[in-house]
Protein backbone atom coordinates (compact mmCIF):
# COMPACT_ATOMS: atom_id res chain seq x y z
CA MET A 1 -0.18 0.20 0.26
CA GLU A 2 2.97 2.55 0.82
CA CYS A 3 4.58 2.02 -2.33
CA LYS A 4 1.46 2.67 -4.03
CA TYR A 5 1.51 6.31 -2.56
CA LEU A 6 5.11 6.86 -3.35
CA LYS A 7 4.64 6.30 -6.47
CA GLU A 8 2.20 8.77 -6.76
CA ARG A 9 4.00 11.05 -5.01
CA ASP A 10 7.02 10.67 -7.58
CA LYS A 11 5.14 10.56 -10.20
CA LEU A 12 3.36 14.34 -8.48
CA ARG A 13 7.09 15.45 -8.05
CA ASP A 14 7.89 14.79 -11.88
CA GLU A 15 5.09 16.62 -13.25
CA VAL A 16 5.53 20.02 -10.59
CA VAL A 17 9.46 19.56 -12.28
CA GLU A 18 8.23 20.01 -15.85
CA VAL A 19 5.36 22.25 -14.94
CA GLU A 20 8.09 24.82 -13.17
CA GLY A 21 9.99 24.16 -16.73
CA LYS A 22 6.98 25.27 -18.59
CA LEU A 23 6.54 28.50 -16.73
CA SER A 24 9.93 29.43 -16.70
CA LYS A 25 9.55 29.20 -20.58
CA LEU A 26 6.43 31.47 -20.01
CA LYS A 27 7.72 34.05 -18.24
CA LEU A 28 11.14 34.59 -20.60
CA ASN A 29 8.12 34.68 -23.58
CA TYR A 30 6.37 36.89 -21.49
CA ASN A 31 9.53 39.20 -20.52
CA ASP A 32 10.94 39.33 -24.17
CA CYS A 33 7.06 40.33 -25.84
CA ARG A 34 7.01 42.81 -22.72
CA LYS A 35 10.30 44.47 -24.06
CA LYS A 36 9.22 44.65 -27.43
CA CYS A 37 5.75 46.26 -27.26
CA GLU A 38 7.66 48.78 -24.81
CA LEU A 39 10.25 49.61 -27.66
CA HIS A 40 6.94 49.45 -29.86
CA ALA A 41 5.48 51.94 -28.34
CA GLY A 42 8.68 54.09 -28.14
CA LEU A 43 8.61 54.28 -31.93
CA MET A 44 5.15 55.39 -31.75
CA ILE A 45 5.59 58.29 -29.79
CA THR A 46 8.92 59.10 -31.71
CA LEU A 47 6.80 58.84 -34.70
CA GLY A 48 4.26 60.79 -33.59
CA GLN A 49 6.16 63.69 -32.31
CA ARG A 50 8.26 63.75 -35.45
CA GLU A 51 4.59 63.99 -37.63
CA GLN A 52 4.12 66.65 -35.44
CA GLU A 53 6.93 68.73 -36.53
CA VAL A 54 6.45 68.22 -40.09
């Protein structure tokens, strides 16, 4: 009986490691997208300012 619970525990631990890995990748992708968005917003502001000058 105890062996069954240990197997379940080990399986769940493996799943946790997998989910943590996915979470890390998602955080990196999110940060990358956020930086691109900030850059794009800055370019749009600069473009708007230049259009006003013309």
